[in-house]
Amino acid sequence: MALVLRRVFDGYRCFMTEYRDARSIELPLAGSPWPVISIVSIYLFVVLKLGPELMQHRKAFDLKHLIRAYNAVQVIANGALFLIIVYLLSIRKNFSYLCQPVNYTQSREGYEEMFMAYCYFLLKVLDLADTVFFVLRKKQSHVSFLHVYHHAVMVLVTYLAFIFVPGGQTVMLGIWNTLVHAVMYFYYFVASYGNQYSIWWKKYITLLQLVQFVHLGLHFGIPALFGMNCGFPRFWLWIGFLQAAFILTMFADFYVQSYVKKRKLNHKA
């Protein structure tokens, strides 16, 4: 047993040192995976067990101004990163939006992609605050499987993608997701002043998310399924494809339950 554990540990250490991108190893949260695993573990414990238990006999916190500021920060951060990514790619002559390898070089373009991936990963960590706000406001019904799974897995997957494939084919994920989040948090910001300013376009954000995951599924799935050789690891193509397909299924179910079936019930009434 000790020999098996030793080999597993040696394999893990070799994998995390030999195959990861060494350029980012000194960045905060980018060295060892244990801080990220700890953050996600604490997040799950707090929002699923500790938080609900502590809030059970307490009055909900009034976090309106804090959440409004948080939403404004998310709009600015996601919007800025979206514009930066689009600008940097627009001035390149050799970047393919269909099938692009990762630039692991010490060049300016290589570091630009790496830092864009790092900023995107940090935004996914920041997203975890959404669920904490739900718990503190005693809106535990909002802490659904889809919500918790999406937030927790995105932190883990973006961390692994950042240290192994920072850029290339994954850039499209950054473009889509920062755009969607900028729009989504702007909606939350406006909605904080009253539903009369935002209720009519709520479902279109979900539609935008569905379009995002359809395109990302095709973006990763086509080269994975048809074996396109563009220098991007096929393993990560499959990860991107399966994740997009799974999230698309859950968001599609949410859209049907929230809008299609509800609209039919209203018509019958």
C-alpha atoms as a PDB file:
ATOM      1  CA  MET A   1       0.000   0.000   0.000  1.00  0.00           C
ATOM      2  CA  ALA A   2       2.813   2.372   0.905  1.00  0.00           C
ATOM      3  CA  LEU A   3       4.488   1.627  -2.431  1.00  0.00           C
ATOM      4  CA  VAL A   4       1.281   2.372  -4.328  1.00  0.00           C
ATOM      5  CA  LEU A   5       0.816   5.683  -2.496  1.00  0.00           C
ATOM      6  CA  ARG A   6       4.455   6.545  -3.143  1.00  0.00           C
ATOM      7  CA  ARG A   7       4.050   5.953  -6.869  1.00  0.00           C
ATOM      8  CA  VAL A   8       0.831   7.965  -6.959  1.00  0.00           C
ATOM      9  CA  PHE A   9       2.550  10.848  -5.166  1.00  0.00           C
ATOM     10  CA  ASP A  10       5.590  10.687  -7.453  1.00  0.00           C
ATOM     11  CA  GLY A  11       3.329  10.595 -10.510  1.00  0.00           C
ATOM     12  CA  TYR A  12       1.346  13.570  -9.249  1.00  0.00           C
ATOM     13  CA  ARG A  13       4.514  15.560  -8.500  1.00  0.00           C
ATOM     14  CA  CYS A  14       5.999  14.723 -11.894  1.00  0.00           C
ATOM     15  CA  PHE A  15       2.774  15.650 -13.681  1.00  0.00           C
ATOM     16  CA  MET A  16       2.413  18.970 -11.855  1.00  0.00           C
ATOM     17  CA  THR A  17       6.031  19.966 -12.491  1.00  0.00           C
ATOM     18  CA  GLU A  18       6.856  18.419 -15.866  1.00  0.00           C
ATOM     19  CA  TYR A  19       3.694  19.194 -17.816  1.00  0.00           C
ATOM     20  CA  ARG A  20       2.401  22.466 -16.386  1.00  0.00           C
ATOM     21  CA  ASP A  21       3.242  25.890 -17.791  1.00  0.00           C
ATOM     22  CA  ALA A  22       6.246  27.047 -15.751  1.00  0.00           C
ATOM     23  CA  ARG A  23       5.758  30.737 -16.633  1.00  0.00           C
ATOM     24  CA  SER A  24       2.898  31.126 -14.142  1.00  0.00           C
ATOM     25  CA  ILE A  25       4.205  29.096 -11.223  1.00  0.00           C
ATOM     26  CA  GLU A  26       5.052  32.180  -9.090  1.00  0.00           C
ATOM     27  CA  LEU A  27       1.676  33.898  -9.530  1.00  0.00           C
ATOM     28  CA  PRO A  28      -0.717  33.950  -6.517  1.00  0.00           C
ATOM     29  CA  LEU A  29      -2.921  30.812  -6.409  1.00  0.00           C
ATOM     30  CA  ALA A  30      -1.149  29.460  -9.494  1.00  0.00           C
ATOM     31  CA  GLY A  31       1.572  27.366  -7.872  1.00  0.00           C
ATOM     32  CA  SER A  32       0.276  24.417  -5.883  1.00  0.00           C
ATOM     33  CA  PRO A  33      -3.328  23.313  -6.538  1.00  0.00           C
ATOM     34  CA  TRP A  34      -4.045  22.937  -2.805  1.00  0.00           C
ATOM     35  CA  PRO A  35      -5.006  26.590  -2.156  1.00  0.00           C
ATOM     36  CA  VAL A  36      -7.570  26.401  -4.976  1.00  0.00           C
ATOM     37  CA  ILE A  37      -8.873  23.038  -3.755  1.00  0.00           C
ATOM     38  CA  SER A  38      -9.126  24.532  -0.246  1.00  0.00           C
ATOM     39  CA  ILE A  39     -11.068  27.566  -1.515  1.00  0.00           C
ATOM     40  CA  VAL A  40     -13.591  25.381  -3.343  1.00  0.00           C
ATOM     41  CA  SER A  41     -13.899  22.986  -0.383  1.00  0.00           C
ATOM     42  CA  ILE A  42     -14.521  25.858   2.060  1.00  0.00           C
ATOM     43  CA  TYR A  43     -16.997  27.383  -0.397  1.00  0.00           C
ATOM     44  CA  LEU A  44     -19.006  24.140  -0.596  1.00  0.00           C
ATOM     45  CA  PHE A  45     -18.952  23.683   3.179  1.00  0.00           C
ATOM     46  CA  VAL A  46     -20.059  27.262   3.842  1.00  0.00           C
ATOM     47  CA  VAL A  47     -22.874  27.522   1.281  1.00  0.00           C
ATOM     48  CA  LEU A  48     -24.257  24.000   1.717  1.00  0.00           C
ATOM     49  CA  LYS A  49     -23.877  23.371   5.463  1.00  0.00           C
ATOM     50  CA  LEU A  50     -22.316  25.991   7.733  1.00  0.00           C
ATOM     51  CA  GLY A  51     -24.024  29.044   6.242  1.00  0.00           C
ATOM     52  CA  PRO A  52     -27.584  27.681   6.220  1.00  0.00           C
ATOM     53  CA  GLU A  53     -27.172  26.392   9.790  1.00  0.00           C
ATOM     54  CA  LEU A  54     -25.878  29.739  11.086  1.00  0.00           C
ATOM     55  CA  MET A  55     -28.614  31.677   9.275  1.00  0.00           C
ATOM     56  CA  GLN A  56     -31.438  29.365  10.272  1.00  0.00           C
ATOM     57  CA  HIS A  57     -32.456  31.412  13.317  1.00  0.00           C
ATOM     58  CA  ARG A  58     -31.032  34.751  12.200  1.00  0.00           C
ATOM     59  CA  LYS A  59     -32.526  37.629  10.319  1.00  0.00           C
ATOM     60  CA  ALA A  60     -31.432  37.969   6.702  1.00  0.00           C
ATOM     61  CA  PHE A  61     -28.647  40.506   6.150  1.00  0.00           C
ATOM     62  CA  ASP A  62     -29.388  43.624   4.147  1.00  0.00           C
ATOM     63  CA  LEU A  63     -26.566  43.554   1.595  1.00  0.00           C
ATOM     64  CA  LYS A  64     -28.179  45.754  -1.053  1.00  0.00           C
ATOM     65  CA  HIS A  65     -25.387  48.343  -1.245  1.00  0.00           C
ATOM     66  CA  LEU A  66     -22.589  45.771  -0.983  1.00  0.00           C
ATOM     67  CA  ILE A  67     -24.098  43.623  -3.738  1.00  0.00           C
ATOM     68  CA  ARG A  68     -24.709  46.667  -5.915  1.00  0.00           C
ATOM     69  CA  ALA A  69     -21.014  47.597  -5.606  1.00  0.00           C
ATOM     70  CA  TYR A  70     -20.018  43.973  -6.254  1.00  0.00           C
ATOM     71  CA  ASN A  71     -22.149  43.870  -9.410  1.00  0.00           C
ATOM     72  CA  ALA A  72     -20.568  47.125 -10.631  1.00  0.00           C
ATOM     73  CA  VAL A  73     -17.075  45.672 -10.077  1.00  0.00           C
ATOM     74  CA  GLN A  74     -18.051  42.525 -12.002  1.00  0.00           C
ATOM     75  CA  VAL A  75     -19.394  44.576 -14.923  1.00  0.00           C
ATOM     76  CA  ILE A  76     -16.211  46.648 -15.108  1.00  0.00           C
ATOM     77  CA  ALA A  77     -13.823  43.699 -14.646  1.00  0.00           C
ATOM     78  CA  ASN A  78     -15.545  41.367 -17.121  1.00  0.00           C
ATOM     79  CA  GLY A  79     -16.203  44.149 -19.623  1.00  0.00           C
ATOM     80  CA  ALA A  80     -12.582  45.320 -19.477  1.00  0.00           C
ATOM     81  CA  LEU A  81     -11.182  41.798 -19.901  1.00  0.00           C
ATOM     82  CA  PHE A  82     -13.557  41.152 -22.811  1.00  0.00           C
ATOM     83  CA  LEU A  83     -12.397  44.316 -24.586  1.00  0.00           C
ATOM     84  CA  ILE A  84      -8.732  43.564 -23.889  1.00  0.00           C
ATOM     85  CA  ILE A  85      -8.989  40.030 -25.286  1.00  0.00           C
ATOM     86  CA  VAL A  86     -10.856  41.160 -28.402  1.00  0.00           C
ATOM     87  CA  TYR A  87      -8.394  44.004 -28.994  1.00  0.00           C
ATOM     88  CA  LEU A  88      -5.276  41.864 -28.557  1.00  0.00           C
ATOM     89  CA  LEU A  89      -6.624  39.205 -30.911  1.00  0.00           C
ATOM     90  CA  SER A  90      -7.760  41.775 -33.477  1.00  0.00           C
ATOM     91  CA  ILE A  91      -4.201  43.035 -33.985  1.00  0.00           C
ATOM     92  CA  ARG A  92      -2.819  39.538 -34.556  1.00  0.00           C
ATOM     93  CA  LYS A  93      -2.476  38.160 -38.041  1.00  0.00           C
ATOM     94  CA  ASN A  94      -2.032  34.482 -37.257  1.00  0.00           C
ATOM     95  CA  PHE A  95      -4.700  33.717 -34.644  1.00  0.00           C
ATOM     96  CA  SER A  96      -7.358  31.176 -35.670  1.00  0.00           C
ATOM     97  CA  TYR A  97     -10.754  31.282 -33.977  1.00  0.00           C
ATOM     98  CA  LEU A  98     -11.461  27.741 -35.209  1.00  0.00           C
ATOM     99  CA  CYS A  99      -8.429  25.756 -34.092  1.00  0.00           C
ATOM    100  CA  GLN A 100      -5.529  27.424 -32.276  1.00  0.00           C
ATOM    101  CA  PRO A 101      -2.586  25.953 -30.326  1.00  0.00           C
ATOM    102  CA  VAL A 102      -1.322  27.402 -27.048  1.00  0.00           C
ATOM    103  CA  ASN A 103       1.595  29.825 -27.265  1.00  0.00           C
ATOM    104  CA  TYR A 104       3.989  28.619 -24.552  1.00  0.00           C
ATOM    105  CA  THR A 105       6.850  30.867 -25.659  1.00  0.00           C
ATOM    106  CA  GLN A 106       8.470  33.703 -23.725  1.00  0.00           C
ATOM    107  CA  SER A 107       7.234  36.129 -26.381  1.00  0.00           C
ATOM    108  CA  ARG A 108       4.945  39.067 -25.729  1.00  0.00           C
ATOM    109  CA  GLU A 109       2.018  37.262 -27.343  1.00  0.00           C
ATOM    110  CA  GLY A 110       2.656  34.165 -25.247  1.00  0.00           C
ATOM    111  CA  TYR A 111       2.615  36.149 -22.015  1.00  0.00           C
ATOM    112  CA  GLU A 112      -0.457  38.103 -23.099  1.00  0.00           C
ATOM    113  CA  GLU A 113      -2.446  34.894 -23.497  1.00  0.00           C
ATOM    114  CA  MET A 114      -1.146  33.553 -20.203  1.00  0.00           C
ATOM    115  CA  PHE A 115      -2.107  36.687 -18.258  1.00  0.00           C
ATOM    116  CA  MET A 116      -5.545  36.823 -19.918  1.00  0.00           C
ATOM    117  CA  ALA A 117      -6.129  33.254 -18.761  1.00  0.00           C
ATOM    118  CA  TYR A 118      -4.936  34.176 -15.260  1.00  0.00           C
ATOM    119  CA  CYS A 119      -7.281  37.166 -15.013  1.00  0.00           C
ATOM    120  CA  TYR A 120     -10.147  34.989 -16.195  1.00  0.00           C
ATOM    121  CA  PHE A 121      -9.355  32.404 -13.509  1.00  0.00           C
ATOM    122  CA  LEU A 122      -9.361  35.104 -10.810  1.00  0.00           C
ATOM    123  CA  LEU A 123     -12.788  36.273 -11.985  1.00  0.00           C
ATOM    124  CA  LYS A 124     -14.118  32.734 -11.494  1.00  0.00           C
ATOM    125  CA  VAL A 125     -12.846  32.824  -7.905  1.00  0.00           C
ATOM    126  CA  LEU A 126     -14.602  36.173  -7.413  1.00  0.00           C
ATOM    127  CA  ASP A 127     -17.848  34.639  -8.732  1.00  0.00           C
ATOM    128  CA  LEU A 128     -18.044  32.420  -5.634  1.00  0.00           C
ATOM    129  CA  ALA A 129     -19.238  35.444  -3.660  1.00  0.00           C
ATOM    130  CA  ASP A 130     -22.609  35.180  -5.466  1.00  0.00           C
ATOM    131  CA  THR A 131     -23.588  32.101  -3.493  1.00  0.00           C
ATOM    132  CA  VAL A 132     -22.339  33.507  -0.187  1.00  0.00           C
ATOM    133  CA  PHE A 133     -24.617  36.513  -0.708  1.00  0.00           C
ATOM    134  CA  PHE A 134     -27.575  34.170  -1.297  1.00  0.00           C
ATOM    135  CA  VAL A 135     -26.888  32.372   1.982  1.00  0.00           C
ATOM    136  CA  LEU A 136     -26.487  35.573   3.990  1.00  0.00           C
ATOM    137  CA  ARG A 137     -29.746  36.919   2.554  1.00  0.00           C
ATOM    138  CA  LYS A 138     -31.501  33.612   3.403  1.00  0.00           C
ATOM    139  CA  LYS A 139     -32.257  32.856  -0.236  1.00  0.00           C
ATOM    140  CA  GLN A 140     -31.210  29.216   0.026  1.00  0.00           C
ATOM    141  CA  SER A 141     -33.648  28.236  -2.732  1.00  0.00           C
ATOM    142  CA  HIS A 142     -31.324  30.077  -5.132  1.00  0.00           C
ATOM    143  CA  VAL A 143     -28.450  27.798  -4.114  1.00  0.00           C
ATOM    144  CA  SER A 144     -29.411  25.161  -6.676  1.00  0.00           C
ATOM    145  CA  PHE A 145     -27.327  22.267  -7.958  1.00  0.00           C
ATOM    146  CA  LEU A 146     -26.810  24.103 -11.251  1.00  0.00           C
ATOM    147  CA  HIS A 147     -25.625  27.251  -9.476  1.00  0.00           C
ATOM    148  CA  VAL A 148     -23.223  25.536  -7.048  1.00  0.00           C
ATOM    149  CA  TYR A 149     -21.889  23.047  -9.598  1.00  0.00           C
ATOM    150  CA  HIS A 150     -21.270  25.731 -12.189  1.00  0.00           C
ATOM    151  CA  HIS A 151     -19.397  28.021  -9.777  1.00  0.00           C
ATOM    152  CA  ALA A 152     -17.294  25.319  -8.099  1.00  0.00           C
ATOM    153  CA  VAL A 153     -16.373  23.432 -11.261  1.00  0.00           C
ATOM    154  CA  MET A 154     -15.537  26.604 -13.168  1.00  0.00           C
ATOM    155  CA  VAL A 155     -12.931  27.532 -10.545  1.00  0.00           C
ATOM    156  CA  LEU A 156     -11.311  24.083 -10.697  1.00  0.00           C
ATOM    157  CA  VAL A 157     -11.456  23.722 -14.481  1.00  0.00           C
ATOM    158  CA  THR A 158     -10.214  27.245 -15.206  1.00  0.00           C
ATOM    159  CA  TYR A 159      -7.348  26.728 -12.752  1.00  0.00           C
ATOM    160  CA  LEU A 160      -6.264  23.501 -14.476  1.00  0.00           C
ATOM    161  CA  ALA A 161      -6.729  25.035 -17.917  1.00  0.00           C
ATOM    162  CA  PHE A 162      -4.697  28.057 -16.834  1.00  0.00           C
ATOM    163  CA  ILE A 163      -1.696  26.033 -15.640  1.00  0.00           C
ATOM    164  CA  PHE A 164      -1.754  23.552 -18.550  1.00  0.00           C
ATOM    165  CA  VAL A 165      -3.347  25.262 -21.586  1.00  0.00           C
ATOM    166  CA  PRO A 166      -3.347  29.046 -20.963  1.00  0.00           C
ATOM    167  CA  GLY A 167      -4.706  30.336 -24.242  1.00  0.00           C
ATOM    168  CA  GLY A 168      -5.095  28.891 -27.712  1.00  0.00           C
ATOM    169  CA  GLN A 169      -8.445  27.181 -28.194  1.00  0.00           C
ATOM    170  CA  THR A 170      -9.599  28.208 -24.695  1.00  0.00           C
ATOM    171  CA  VAL A 171      -9.505  31.926 -25.572  1.00  0.00           C
ATOM    172  CA  MET A 172     -12.993  31.652 -27.061  1.00  0.00           C
ATOM    173  CA  LEU A 173     -14.288  30.568 -23.651  1.00  0.00           C
ATOM    174  CA  GLY A 174     -12.842  33.757 -22.162  1.00  0.00           C
ATOM    175  CA  ILE A 175     -14.415  35.917 -24.872  1.00  0.00           C
ATOM    176  CA  TRP A 176     -17.875  34.418 -24.466  1.00  0.00           C
ATOM    177  CA  ASN A 177     -17.901  34.165 -20.702  1.00  0.00           C
ATOM    178  CA  THR A 178     -16.648  37.675 -19.959  1.00  0.00           C
ATOM    179  CA  LEU A 179     -19.217  39.121 -22.376  1.00  0.00           C
ATOM    180  CA  VAL A 180     -22.071  37.117 -20.846  1.00  0.00           C
ATOM    181  CA  HIS A 181     -21.010  37.989 -17.301  1.00  0.00           C
ATOM    182  CA  ALA A 182     -20.684  41.684 -18.082  1.00  0.00           C
ATOM    183  CA  VAL A 183     -24.271  41.675 -19.405  1.00  0.00           C
ATOM    184  CA  MET A 184     -25.540  39.462 -16.587  1.00  0.00           C
ATOM    185  CA  TYR A 185     -24.065  41.541 -13.759  1.00  0.00           C
ATOM    186  CA  PHE A 186     -25.272  44.715 -15.423  1.00  0.00           C
ATOM    187  CA  TYR A 187     -28.745  43.186 -15.310  1.00  0.00           C
ATOM    188  CA  TYR A 188     -28.287  42.425 -11.594  1.00  0.00           C
ATOM    189  CA  PHE A 189     -27.099  46.000 -11.000  1.00  0.00           C
ATOM    190  CA  VAL A 190     -30.116  47.485 -12.775  1.00  0.00           C
ATOM    191  CA  ALA A 191     -32.510  45.016 -11.106  1.00  0.00           C
ATOM    192  CA  SER A 192     -31.318  46.189  -7.681  1.00  0.00           C
ATOM    193  CA  TYR A 193     -33.224  49.440  -8.372  1.00  0.00           C
ATOM    194  CA  GLY A 194     -36.472  47.590  -9.071  1.00  0.00           C
ATOM    195  CA  ASN A 195     -37.785  44.914 -11.434  1.00  0.00           C
ATOM    196  CA  GLN A 196     -39.557  47.497 -13.570  1.00  0.00           C
ATOM    197  CA  TYR A 197     -36.142  48.364 -15.063  1.00  0.00           C
ATOM    198  CA  SER A 198     -35.065  44.838 -15.892  1.00  0.00           C
ATOM    199  CA  ILE A 199     -37.727  42.150 -15.707  1.00  0.00           C
ATOM    200  CA  TRP A 200     -38.524  42.135 -19.436  1.00  0.00           C
ATOM    201  CA  TRP A 201     -35.009  41.227 -20.550  1.00  0.00           C
ATOM    202  CA  LYS A 202     -34.228  38.623 -17.874  1.00  0.00           C
ATOM    203  CA  LYS A 203     -34.973  35.626 -20.088  1.00  0.00           C
ATOM    204  CA  TYR A 204     -32.775  36.983 -22.883  1.00  0.00           C
ATOM    205  CA  ILE A 205     -29.736  36.637 -20.635  1.00  0.00           C
ATOM    206  CA  THR A 206     -30.523  32.932 -20.307  1.00  0.00           C
ATOM    207  CA  LEU A 207     -30.877  32.748 -24.099  1.00  0.00           C
ATOM    208  CA  LEU A 208     -27.486  34.416 -24.447  1.00  0.00           C
ATOM    209  CA  GLN A 209     -26.034  31.800 -22.096  1.00  0.00           C
ATOM    210  CA  LEU A 210     -27.579  29.035 -24.182  1.00  0.00           C
ATOM    211  CA  VAL A 211     -26.070  30.482 -27.367  1.00  0.00           C
ATOM    212  CA  GLN A 212     -22.730  30.676 -25.561  1.00  0.00           C
ATOM    213  CA  PHE A 213     -22.718  26.995 -24.629  1.00  0.00           C
ATOM    214  CA  VAL A 214     -23.948  25.867 -28.053  1.00  0.00           C
ATOM    215  CA  HIS A 215     -21.085  27.709 -29.720  1.00  0.00           C
ATOM    216  CA  LEU A 216     -18.511  26.522 -27.161  1.00  0.00           C
ATOM    217  CA  GLY A 217     -19.729  22.954 -27.611  1.00  0.00           C
ATOM    218  CA  LEU A 218     -19.126  23.280 -31.357  1.00  0.00           C
ATOM    219  CA  HIS A 219     -15.860  25.168 -30.812  1.00  0.00           C
ATOM    220  CA  PHE A 220     -14.367  22.349 -28.739  1.00  0.00           C
ATOM    221  CA  GLY A 221     -16.419  19.475 -30.135  1.00  0.00           C
ATOM    222  CA  ILE A 222     -15.706  19.785 -33.861  1.00  0.00           C
ATOM    223  CA  PRO A 223     -11.895  19.463 -33.578  1.00  0.00           C
ATOM    224  CA  ALA A 224     -12.313  16.782 -30.871  1.00  0.00           C
ATOM    225  CA  LEU A 225     -14.796  14.657 -32.816  1.00  0.00           C
ATOM    226  CA  PHE A 226     -13.189  15.041 -36.227  1.00  0.00           C
ATOM    227  CA  GLY A 227      -9.576  14.827 -35.070  1.00  0.00           C
ATOM    228  CA  MET A 228      -8.465  18.227 -36.339  1.00  0.00           C
ATOM    229  CA  ASN A 229      -4.747  18.580 -35.696  1.00  0.00           C
ATOM    230  CA  CYS A 230      -4.159  22.178 -34.684  1.00  0.00           C
ATOM    231  CA  GLY A 231      -1.601  21.614 -31.933  1.00  0.00           C
ATOM    232  CA  PHE A 232      -4.108  21.878 -29.078  1.00  0.00           C
ATOM    233  CA  PRO A 233      -4.262  18.842 -26.730  1.00  0.00           C
ATOM    234  CA  ARG A 234      -7.211  16.636 -27.664  1.00  0.00           C
ATOM    235  CA  PHE A 235      -7.818  15.794 -24.003  1.00  0.00           C
ATOM    236  CA  TRP A 236      -8.657  19.440 -23.303  1.00  0.00           C
ATOM    237  CA  LEU A 237     -10.858  19.622 -26.384  1.00  0.00           C
ATOM    238  CA  TRP A 238     -12.937  16.797 -24.931  1.00  0.00           C
ATOM    239  CA  ILE A 239     -13.036  18.453 -21.511  1.00  0.00           C
ATOM    240  CA  GLY A 240     -14.313  21.685 -23.079  1.00  0.00           C
ATOM    241  CA  PHE A 241     -16.845  19.846 -25.236  1.00  0.00           C
ATOM    242  CA  LEU A 242     -18.280  17.666 -22.439  1.00  0.00           C
ATOM    243  CA  GLN A 243     -18.433  20.553 -19.961  1.00  0.00           C
ATOM    244  CA  ALA A 244     -20.215  22.794 -22.483  1.00  0.00           C
ATOM    245  CA  ALA A 245     -22.662  20.013 -23.363  1.00  0.00           C
ATOM    246  CA  PHE A 246     -23.444  19.278 -19.703  1.00  0.00           C
ATOM    247  CA  ILE A 247     -23.958  22.933 -18.742  1.00  0.00           C
ATOM    248  CA  LEU A 248     -26.020  23.491 -21.912  1.00  0.00           C
ATOM    249  CA  THR A 249     -28.340  20.650 -20.885  1.00  0.00           C
ATOM    250  CA  MET A 250     -28.877  22.116 -17.414  1.00  0.00           C
ATOM    251  CA  PHE A 251     -29.397  25.675 -18.679  1.00  0.00           C
ATOM    252  CA  ALA A 252     -31.820  24.436 -21.351  1.00  0.00           C
ATOM    253  CA  ASP A 253     -33.825  22.637 -18.670  1.00  0.00           C
ATOM    254  CA  PHE A 254     -33.810  25.799 -16.546  1.00  0.00           C
ATOM    255  CA  TYR A 255     -35.048  27.863 -19.502  1.00  0.00           C
ATOM    256  CA  VAL A 256     -37.870  25.417 -20.260  1.00  0.00           C
ATOM    257  CA  GLN A 257     -38.968  25.225 -16.614  1.00  0.00           C
ATOM    258  CA  SER A 258     -38.724  28.980 -16.011  1.00  0.00           C
ATOM    259  CA  TYR A 259     -40.138  30.394 -19.225  1.00  0.00           C
ATOM    260  CA  VAL A 260     -41.694  27.861 -21.619  1.00  0.00           C
ATOM    261  CA  LYS A 261     -43.779  25.861 -19.120  1.00  0.00           C
ATOM    262  CA  LYS A 262     -44.608  28.929 -17.042  1.00  0.00           C
ATOM    263  CA  ARG A 263     -45.853  30.742 -20.141  1.00  0.00           C
ATOM    264  CA  LYS A 264     -48.070  27.770 -21.080  1.00  0.00           C
ATOM    265  CA  LEU A 265     -49.536  27.695 -17.565  1.00  0.00           C
ATOM    266  CA  ASN A 266     -50.273  31.424 -17.737  1.00  0.00           C
ATOM    267  CA  HIS A 267     -52.047  30.980 -21.069  1.00  0.00           C
ATOM    268  CA  LYS A 268     -54.211  28.188 -19.649  1.00  0.00           C
ATOM    269  CA  ALA A 269     -55.077  30.330 -16.643  1.00  0.00           C
END
